[in-house]
């Protein structure tokens, strides 16, 4: 479960909104009486919609956690990162291990931000295609079938793009964590 409001927003709420919002709009447009129900019970409907966003976002986060775990297992089965570093990598990891004003290594905040980024990318890997399908469903009567078919090709592209972003972020995380832990004094 995310530990901060920012992480909750980027890992659960935002992916939930991306996945649910187009489908909620579609429901308001297409399901007879739903718009009237919304007008009559605005606050309860909004509370239920937000609850749905959180539940869907939580499920999406769990799917991302599953993917992260698979990558961890695969990385652990491979060799340890090479001890050979070029000057740029050495300088970067030495900097991340530095302690300044609060005596906390720079890496702690850096890694925390990267973890939030990973959760966001994993969330959008699932949520963006779901949301896009909802948008295409809404637009189906407003555009040509050729445009819809071409747009439908964006679904796997979104999955691949966010998968690649998340994969790269995961690799940065485990490599940085590995190198920083070895630079910090043990206590």
C-alpha atoms as a PDB file:
ATOM      1  CA  UNK A   1       0.000   0.000   0.000  1.00  0.00           C
ATOM      2  CA  UNK A   2       1.403   3.426  -0.863  1.00  0.00           C
ATOM      3  CA  UNK A   3       2.898   5.254   2.117  1.00  0.00           C
ATOM      4  CA  UNK A   4       2.353   8.865   1.076  1.00  0.00           C
ATOM      5  CA  UNK A   5      -0.480  10.903  -0.382  1.00  0.00           C
ATOM      6  CA  UNK A   6       1.612  11.593  -3.473  1.00  0.00           C
ATOM      7  CA  UNK A   7       2.303   7.901  -3.995  1.00  0.00           C
ATOM      8  CA  UNK A   8      -1.386   7.073  -3.407  1.00  0.00           C
ATOM      9  CA  UNK A   9      -2.356   9.667  -5.986  1.00  0.00           C
ATOM     10  CA  UNK A  10       0.084   8.481  -8.662  1.00  0.00           C
ATOM     11  CA  UNK A  11      -0.168   4.732  -7.975  1.00  0.00           C
ATOM     12  CA  UNK A  12      -3.871   4.280  -7.213  1.00  0.00           C
ATOM     13  CA  UNK A  13      -6.082   7.308  -7.816  1.00  0.00           C
ATOM     14  CA  UNK A  14      -4.714   8.615 -11.133  1.00  0.00           C
ATOM     15  CA  UNK A  15      -4.626   5.194 -12.850  1.00  0.00           C
ATOM     16  CA  UNK A  16      -8.121   4.560 -11.462  1.00  0.00           C
ATOM     17  CA  UNK A  17      -9.379   7.837 -12.923  1.00  0.00           C
ATOM     18  CA  UNK A  18      -7.746   7.128 -16.293  1.00  0.00           C
ATOM     19  CA  UNK A  19      -9.380   3.686 -16.432  1.00  0.00           C
ATOM     20  CA  UNK A  20     -12.833   4.597 -15.032  1.00  0.00           C
ATOM     21  CA  UNK A  21     -13.587   8.151 -16.255  1.00  0.00           C
ATOM     22  CA  UNK A  22     -14.222   7.383 -19.949  1.00  0.00           C
ATOM     23  CA  UNK A  23     -16.439   4.440 -19.008  1.00  0.00           C
ATOM     24  CA  UNK A  24     -18.391   6.580 -16.520  1.00  0.00           C
ATOM     25  CA  UNK A  25     -18.926   9.206 -19.217  1.00  0.00           C
ATOM     26  CA  UNK A  26     -20.009   6.499 -21.631  1.00  0.00           C
ATOM     27  CA  UNK A  27     -22.490   5.199 -19.036  1.00  0.00           C
ATOM     28  CA  UNK A  28     -23.924   8.681 -18.520  1.00  0.00           C
ATOM     29  CA  UNK A  29     -24.382   9.065 -22.276  1.00  0.00           C
ATOM     30  CA  UNK A  30     -25.697   5.620 -23.113  1.00  0.00           C
ATOM     31  CA  UNK A  31     -27.566   4.189 -20.122  1.00  0.00           C
ATOM     32  CA  UNK A  32     -31.095   5.495 -19.895  1.00  0.00           C
ATOM     33  CA  UNK A  33     -31.831   7.180 -16.583  1.00  0.00           C
ATOM     34  CA  UNK A  34     -28.243   7.309 -15.343  1.00  0.00           C
ATOM     35  CA  UNK A  35     -27.926  11.061 -16.008  1.00  0.00           C
ATOM     36  CA  UNK A  36     -31.203  11.667 -14.120  1.00  0.00           C
ATOM     37  CA  UNK A  37     -29.976   9.528 -11.231  1.00  0.00           C
ATOM     38  CA  UNK A  38     -26.788  11.583 -11.151  1.00  0.00           C
ATOM     39  CA  UNK A  39     -28.755  14.855 -11.089  1.00  0.00           C
ATOM     40  CA  UNK A  40     -31.002  13.632  -8.284  1.00  0.00           C
ATOM     41  CA  UNK A  41     -28.263  12.071  -6.131  1.00  0.00           C
ATOM     42  CA  UNK A  42     -25.123  13.994  -7.118  1.00  0.00           C
ATOM     43  CA  UNK A  43     -23.132  13.600  -3.882  1.00  0.00           C
ATOM     44  CA  UNK A  44     -23.807   9.852  -3.386  1.00  0.00           C
ATOM     45  CA  UNK A  45     -23.060   9.135  -7.050  1.00  0.00           C
ATOM     46  CA  UNK A  46     -19.787  11.068  -6.809  1.00  0.00           C
ATOM     47  CA  UNK A  47     -18.833   9.178  -3.646  1.00  0.00           C
ATOM     48  CA  UNK A  48     -19.603   5.872  -5.363  1.00  0.00           C
ATOM     49  CA  UNK A  49     -17.655   6.953  -8.464  1.00  0.00           C
ATOM     50  CA  UNK A  50     -14.648   7.908  -6.339  1.00  0.00           C
ATOM     51  CA  UNK A  51     -14.913   4.590  -4.499  1.00  0.00           C
ATOM     52  CA  UNK A  52     -14.935   2.787  -7.845  1.00  0.00           C
ATOM     53  CA  UNK A  53     -11.858   4.755  -8.918  1.00  0.00           C
ATOM     54  CA  UNK A  54     -10.026   3.706  -5.737  1.00  0.00           C
ATOM     55  CA  UNK A  55     -11.048   0.047  -6.078  1.00  0.00           C
ATOM     56  CA  UNK A  56     -10.097  -0.127  -9.769  1.00  0.00           C
ATOM     57  CA  UNK A  57      -6.869   1.775  -9.025  1.00  0.00           C
ATOM     58  CA  UNK A  58      -6.080  -0.670  -6.210  1.00  0.00           C
ATOM     59  CA  UNK A  59      -6.584  -3.636  -8.531  1.00  0.00           C
ATOM     60  CA  UNK A  60      -4.388  -1.965 -11.154  1.00  0.00           C
ATOM     61  CA  UNK A  61      -1.715  -1.336  -8.502  1.00  0.00           C
ATOM     62  CA  UNK A  62      -1.878  -5.011  -7.489  1.00  0.00           C
ATOM     63  CA  UNK A  63      -1.337  -6.024 -11.131  1.00  0.00           C
ATOM     64  CA  UNK A  64       1.687  -3.702 -11.219  1.00  0.00           C
ATOM     65  CA  UNK A  65       3.018  -5.261  -8.016  1.00  0.00           C
ATOM     66  CA  UNK A  66       2.686  -8.683  -9.621  1.00  0.00           C
ATOM     67  CA  UNK A  67       4.661  -7.473 -12.660  1.00  0.00           C
ATOM     68  CA  UNK A  68       7.318  -5.919 -10.402  1.00  0.00           C
ATOM     69  CA  UNK A  69       7.650  -9.185  -8.475  1.00  0.00           C
ATOM     70  CA  UNK A  70       8.133 -11.125 -11.728  1.00  0.00           C
ATOM     71  CA  UNK A  71      10.893  -8.711 -12.733  1.00  0.00           C
ATOM     72  CA  UNK A  72      12.503  -9.078  -9.282  1.00  0.00           C
ATOM     73  CA  UNK A  73      12.546 -12.869  -9.630  1.00  0.00           C
ATOM     74  CA  UNK A  74      14.056 -12.615 -13.115  1.00  0.00           C
ATOM     75  CA  UNK A  75      16.710 -10.100 -11.965  1.00  0.00           C
ATOM     76  CA  UNK A  76      17.610 -12.216  -8.922  1.00  0.00           C
ATOM     77  CA  UNK A  77      18.149 -15.256 -11.161  1.00  0.00           C
ATOM     78  CA  UNK A  78      20.738 -13.333 -13.202  1.00  0.00           C
ATOM     79  CA  UNK A  79      24.248 -12.248 -12.287  1.00  0.00           C
ATOM     80  CA  UNK A  80      24.950  -9.454  -9.807  1.00  0.00           C
ATOM     81  CA  UNK A  81      25.592  -6.064 -11.410  1.00  0.00           C
ATOM     82  CA  UNK A  82      29.136  -5.606 -12.586  1.00  0.00           C
ATOM     83  CA  UNK A  83      31.501  -3.881 -10.184  1.00  0.00           C
ATOM     84  CA  UNK A  84      33.112  -2.131 -13.133  1.00  0.00           C
ATOM     85  CA  UNK A  85      31.817   1.406 -13.428  1.00  0.00           C
ATOM     86  CA  UNK A  86      32.736   4.171 -15.799  1.00  0.00           C
ATOM     87  CA  UNK A  87      33.605   7.565 -14.297  1.00  0.00           C
ATOM     88  CA  UNK A  88      30.073   8.911 -14.802  1.00  0.00           C
ATOM     89  CA  UNK A  89      28.392   5.986 -13.031  1.00  0.00           C
ATOM     90  CA  UNK A  90      30.951   6.137 -10.192  1.00  0.00           C
ATOM     91  CA  UNK A  91      30.373   9.855  -9.731  1.00  0.00           C
ATOM     92  CA  UNK A  92      26.571   9.386  -9.803  1.00  0.00           C
ATOM     93  CA  UNK A  93      26.495   6.612  -7.207  1.00  0.00           C
ATOM     94  CA  UNK A  94      29.061   8.362  -5.016  1.00  0.00           C
ATOM     95  CA  UNK A  95      26.817  11.449  -5.091  1.00  0.00           C
ATOM     96  CA  UNK A  96      23.723   9.390  -4.211  1.00  0.00           C
ATOM     97  CA  UNK A  97      25.584   7.941  -1.207  1.00  0.00           C
ATOM     98  CA  UNK A  98      26.533  11.434   0.085  1.00  0.00           C
ATOM     99  CA  UNK A  99      24.881  12.736   3.229  1.00  0.00           C
ATOM    100  CA  UNK A 100      24.036  16.393   3.597  1.00  0.00           C
ATOM    101  CA  UNK A 101      22.058  18.545   6.059  1.00  0.00           C
ATOM    102  CA  UNK A 102      19.714  15.927   7.536  1.00  0.00           C
ATOM    103  CA  UNK A 103      22.425  13.219   7.352  1.00  0.00           C
ATOM    104  CA  UNK A 104      20.180  11.140   5.095  1.00  0.00           C
ATOM    105  CA  UNK A 105      21.817   9.827   1.913  1.00  0.00           C
ATOM    106  CA  UNK A 106      20.661  11.598  -1.245  1.00  0.00           C
ATOM    107  CA  UNK A 107      19.672   8.180  -2.559  1.00  0.00           C
ATOM    108  CA  UNK A 108      16.771   7.779  -0.116  1.00  0.00           C
ATOM    109  CA  UNK A 109      14.679  10.509  -1.707  1.00  0.00           C
ATOM    110  CA  UNK A 110      15.869   9.666  -5.199  1.00  0.00           C
ATOM    111  CA  UNK A 111      14.863   6.020  -4.813  1.00  0.00           C
ATOM    112  CA  UNK A 112      11.541   7.006  -3.244  1.00  0.00           C
ATOM    113  CA  UNK A 113      10.729   9.192  -6.265  1.00  0.00           C
ATOM    114  CA  UNK A 114      11.786   6.422  -8.635  1.00  0.00           C
ATOM    115  CA  UNK A 115       9.507   3.934  -6.828  1.00  0.00           C
ATOM    116  CA  UNK A 116       6.571   6.336  -7.234  1.00  0.00           C
ATOM    117  CA  UNK A 117       7.486   6.709 -10.902  1.00  0.00           C
ATOM    118  CA  UNK A 118       7.556   2.922 -11.299  1.00  0.00           C
ATOM    119  CA  UNK A 119       4.117   2.520  -9.707  1.00  0.00           C
ATOM    120  CA  UNK A 120       2.740   5.278 -11.944  1.00  0.00           C
ATOM    121  CA  UNK A 121       4.168   3.679 -15.096  1.00  0.00           C
ATOM    122  CA  UNK A 122       2.912   0.225 -14.120  1.00  0.00           C
ATOM    123  CA  UNK A 123      -0.510   1.717 -13.369  1.00  0.00           C
ATOM    124  CA  UNK A 124      -0.736   3.477 -16.710  1.00  0.00           C
ATOM    125  CA  UNK A 125       0.411   0.329 -18.484  1.00  0.00           C
ATOM    126  CA  UNK A 126      -2.962  -1.143 -17.464  1.00  0.00           C
ATOM    127  CA  UNK A 127      -5.149   1.982 -17.097  1.00  0.00           C
ATOM    128  CA  UNK A 128      -4.285   3.848 -20.305  1.00  0.00           C
ATOM    129  CA  UNK A 129      -5.470   1.089 -22.672  1.00  0.00           C
ATOM    130  CA  UNK A 130      -8.669   0.591 -20.631  1.00  0.00           C
ATOM    131  CA  UNK A 131      -9.351   4.338 -20.718  1.00  0.00           C
ATOM    132  CA  UNK A 132      -8.538   4.558 -24.422  1.00  0.00           C
ATOM    133  CA  UNK A 133     -11.035   1.796 -25.186  1.00  0.00           C
ATOM    134  CA  UNK A 134     -13.680   3.780 -23.288  1.00  0.00           C
ATOM    135  CA  UNK A 135     -12.835   6.937 -25.224  1.00  0.00           C
ATOM    136  CA  UNK A 136     -13.027   5.061 -28.525  1.00  0.00           C
ATOM    137  CA  UNK A 137     -16.417   3.666 -27.523  1.00  0.00           C
ATOM    138  CA  UNK A 138     -17.653   7.202 -26.852  1.00  0.00           C
ATOM    139  CA  UNK A 139     -16.247   8.444 -30.182  1.00  0.00           C
ATOM    140  CA  UNK A 140     -17.540   5.543 -32.277  1.00  0.00           C
ATOM    141  CA  UNK A 141     -20.619   7.504 -33.413  1.00  0.00           C
ATOM    142  CA  UNK A 142     -18.643  10.710 -34.010  1.00  0.00           C
ATOM    143  CA  UNK A 143     -15.870   9.467 -36.279  1.00  0.00           C
ATOM    144  CA  UNK A 144     -15.213   7.034 -39.119  1.00  0.00           C
ATOM    145  CA  UNK A 145     -14.540   3.350 -38.593  1.00  0.00           C
ATOM    146  CA  UNK A 146     -11.137   3.793 -40.217  1.00  0.00           C
ATOM    147  CA  UNK A 147     -10.107   6.338 -37.570  1.00  0.00           C
ATOM    148  CA  UNK A 148     -11.424   4.039 -34.838  1.00  0.00           C
ATOM    149  CA  UNK A 149      -9.513   1.048 -36.211  1.00  0.00           C
ATOM    150  CA  UNK A 150      -6.304   3.069 -36.468  1.00  0.00           C
ATOM    151  CA  UNK A 151      -6.871   4.417 -32.947  1.00  0.00           C
ATOM    152  CA  UNK A 152      -7.469   0.882 -31.676  1.00  0.00           C
ATOM    153  CA  UNK A 153      -3.895   0.115 -32.698  1.00  0.00           C
ATOM    154  CA  UNK A 154      -2.816   2.552 -29.961  1.00  0.00           C
ATOM    155  CA  UNK A 155      -3.958   0.087 -27.270  1.00  0.00           C
ATOM    156  CA  UNK A 156      -1.045  -2.363 -27.616  1.00  0.00           C
ATOM    157  CA  UNK A 157       1.319   0.543 -28.289  1.00  0.00           C
ATOM    158  CA  UNK A 158       0.342   2.131 -24.945  1.00  0.00           C
ATOM    159  CA  UNK A 159       0.899  -1.176 -23.158  1.00  0.00           C
ATOM    160  CA  UNK A 160       4.318  -1.621 -24.759  1.00  0.00           C
ATOM    161  CA  UNK A 161       5.411   1.989 -24.153  1.00  0.00           C
ATOM    162  CA  UNK A 162       4.441   2.018 -20.466  1.00  0.00           C
ATOM    163  CA  UNK A 163       5.823  -1.524 -20.012  1.00  0.00           C
ATOM    164  CA  UNK A 164       9.161  -0.340 -21.401  1.00  0.00           C
ATOM    165  CA  UNK A 165       9.182   2.799 -19.231  1.00  0.00           C
ATOM    166  CA  UNK A 166       8.385   0.714 -16.142  1.00  0.00           C
ATOM    167  CA  UNK A 167      10.964  -1.933 -17.032  1.00  0.00           C
ATOM    168  CA  UNK A 168      13.685   0.689 -17.404  1.00  0.00           C
ATOM    169  CA  UNK A 169      12.699   2.360 -14.123  1.00  0.00           C
ATOM    170  CA  UNK A 170      12.757  -1.019 -12.374  1.00  0.00           C
ATOM    171  CA  UNK A 171      16.273  -1.685 -13.674  1.00  0.00           C
ATOM    172  CA  UNK A 172      17.439   1.747 -12.502  1.00  0.00           C
ATOM    173  CA  UNK A 173      15.932   1.057  -9.079  1.00  0.00           C
ATOM    174  CA  UNK A 174      17.530  -2.309  -8.449  1.00  0.00           C
ATOM    175  CA  UNK A 175      20.882  -1.249  -9.877  1.00  0.00           C
ATOM    176  CA  UNK A 176      20.983   1.998  -7.855  1.00  0.00           C
ATOM    177  CA  UNK A 177      19.814   0.263  -4.680  1.00  0.00           C
ATOM    178  CA  UNK A 178      22.488  -2.422  -5.114  1.00  0.00           C
ATOM    179  CA  UNK A 179      25.285   0.103  -5.661  1.00  0.00           C
ATOM    180  CA  UNK A 180      24.190   2.551  -2.959  1.00  0.00           C
ATOM    181  CA  UNK A 181      23.897  -0.098  -0.245  1.00  0.00           C
ATOM    182  CA  UNK A 182      27.506  -1.081  -0.899  1.00  0.00           C
ATOM    183  CA  UNK A 183      28.667   2.543  -0.574  1.00  0.00           C
ATOM    184  CA  UNK A 184      26.893   3.311   2.693  1.00  0.00           C
ATOM    185  CA  UNK A 185      28.686   2.546   5.954  1.00  0.00           C
ATOM    186  CA  UNK A 186      27.191  -0.367   7.874  1.00  0.00           C
ATOM    187  CA  UNK A 187      25.957   0.439  11.343  1.00  0.00           C
END
